[in-house]
Amino acid sequence: MRLRVEFTTEPFDLDEAPAHALVAREVIEAAELDAVDVGPFGNTAEGAADAVLTAVDALLRRTLQAGATRVSLQVNVLGEGDK
């Protein structure tokens, strides 16, 4: 099974990326995922279910430790034709 996760961390800072946002980027880019798109207001990543779920666990734990006050995420199961 393949999954796509979309997530944001808060609070936002438009002048400089907060520590929790940098940690989120580090976690997702280090994970064994097939597709990663990191942006200023939303992030997505895709991969095998185990890899995505492992990354989400690390993402939640590490961003909250780094000062995130909210982590919003959505996980979708991808069909064979979804990219």
Protein backbone atom coordinates (compact mmCIF):
# COMPACT_ATOMS: atom_id res chain seq x y z
CA MET A 1 0.00 0.00 0.00
CA ARG A 2 1.17 3.51 -0.82
CA LEU A 3 0.30 6.58 1.26
CA ARG A 4 0.46 10.33 0.82
CA VAL A 5 0.81 12.57 3.86
CA GLU A 6 0.13 16.30 3.78
CA PHE A 7 1.14 18.32 6.84
CA THR A 8 1.79 21.73 8.33
CA THR A 9 3.35 22.78 11.61
CA GLU A 10 2.49 25.89 13.60
CA PRO A 11 3.01 28.58 14.73
CA PHE A 12 3.90 30.24 11.45
CA ASP A 13 6.65 32.82 11.13
CA LEU A 14 6.75 34.58 7.78
CA ASP A 15 10.13 36.20 8.44
CA GLU A 16 12.15 33.12 9.40
CA ALA A 17 11.47 29.40 9.44
CA PRO A 18 10.88 28.32 13.04
CA ALA A 19 12.84 25.43 14.55
CA HIS A 20 9.88 23.04 14.31
CA ALA A 21 9.54 23.71 10.57
CA LEU A 22 13.24 23.01 10.02
CA VAL A 23 12.93 19.78 12.01
CA ALA A 24 9.90 18.75 9.94
CA ARG A 25 11.88 19.27 6.74
CA GLU A 26 14.83 17.30 8.14
CA VAL A 27 12.62 14.36 9.16
CA ILE A 28 10.80 14.15 5.84
CA GLU A 29 13.88 14.57 3.67
CA ALA A 30 15.73 11.87 5.65
CA ALA A 31 12.86 9.38 5.41
CA GLU A 32 12.82 6.66 2.78
CA LEU A 33 10.03 8.24 0.73
CA ASP A 34 9.49 8.34 -3.02
CA ALA A 35 8.24 11.90 -3.40
CA VAL A 36 8.70 14.90 -1.11
CA ASP A 37 7.47 18.46 -1.68
CA VAL A 38 8.33 20.90 1.11
CA GLY A 39 6.87 24.40 0.89
CA PRO A 40 6.28 27.41 3.15
CA PHE A 41 2.61 26.66 3.85
CA GLY A 42 2.24 22.94 3.24
CA ASN A 43 4.24 19.82 2.70
CA THR A 44 3.54 16.49 1.05
CA ALA A 45 5.33 13.18 0.92
CA GLU A 46 4.52 9.81 -0.62
CA GLY A 47 5.84 6.32 -0.20
CA ALA A 48 5.27 2.83 1.06
CA ALA A 49 2.91 2.68 4.03
CA ASP A 50 5.58 1.61 6.54
CA ALA A 51 7.93 4.40 5.46
CA VAL A 52 5.22 7.07 5.61
CA LEU A 53 3.94 5.92 9.01
CA THR A 54 7.47 5.80 10.43
CA ALA A 55 8.10 9.32 9.10
CA VAL A 56 4.81 10.61 10.57
CA ASP A 57 5.71 9.19 13.98
CA ALA A 58 9.12 10.91 13.90
CA LEU A 59 7.57 14.09 12.51
CA LEU A 60 5.06 14.36 15.34
CA ARG A 61 7.53 13.57 18.09
CA ARG A 62 10.35 15.79 16.87
CA THR A 63 8.33 18.85 15.79
CA LEU A 64 6.44 18.95 19.07
CA GLN A 65 9.75 18.71 20.95
CA ALA A 66 11.06 21.56 18.77
CA GLY A 67 8.22 23.90 19.74
CA ALA A 68 5.32 23.21 17.39
CA THR A 69 2.01 24.01 19.05
CA ARG A 70 -0.03 22.34 16.31
CA VAL A 71 0.67 19.75 13.65
CA SER A 72 -2.08 19.28 11.10
CA LEU A 73 -1.88 16.27 8.87
CA GLN A 74 -3.87 14.21 6.46
CA VAL A 75 -2.99 10.73 5.26
CA ASN A 76 -4.47 9.29 2.06
CA VAL A 77 -4.23 5.82 0.60
CA LEU A 78 -3.11 6.07 -3.01
CA GLY A 79 -4.57 3.99 -5.79
CA GLU A 80 -2.40 2.40 -8.47
CA GLY A 81 -2.79 5.35 -10.84
CA ASP A 82 -2.28 8.12 -8.24
CA LYS A 83 0.94 10.08 -8.41
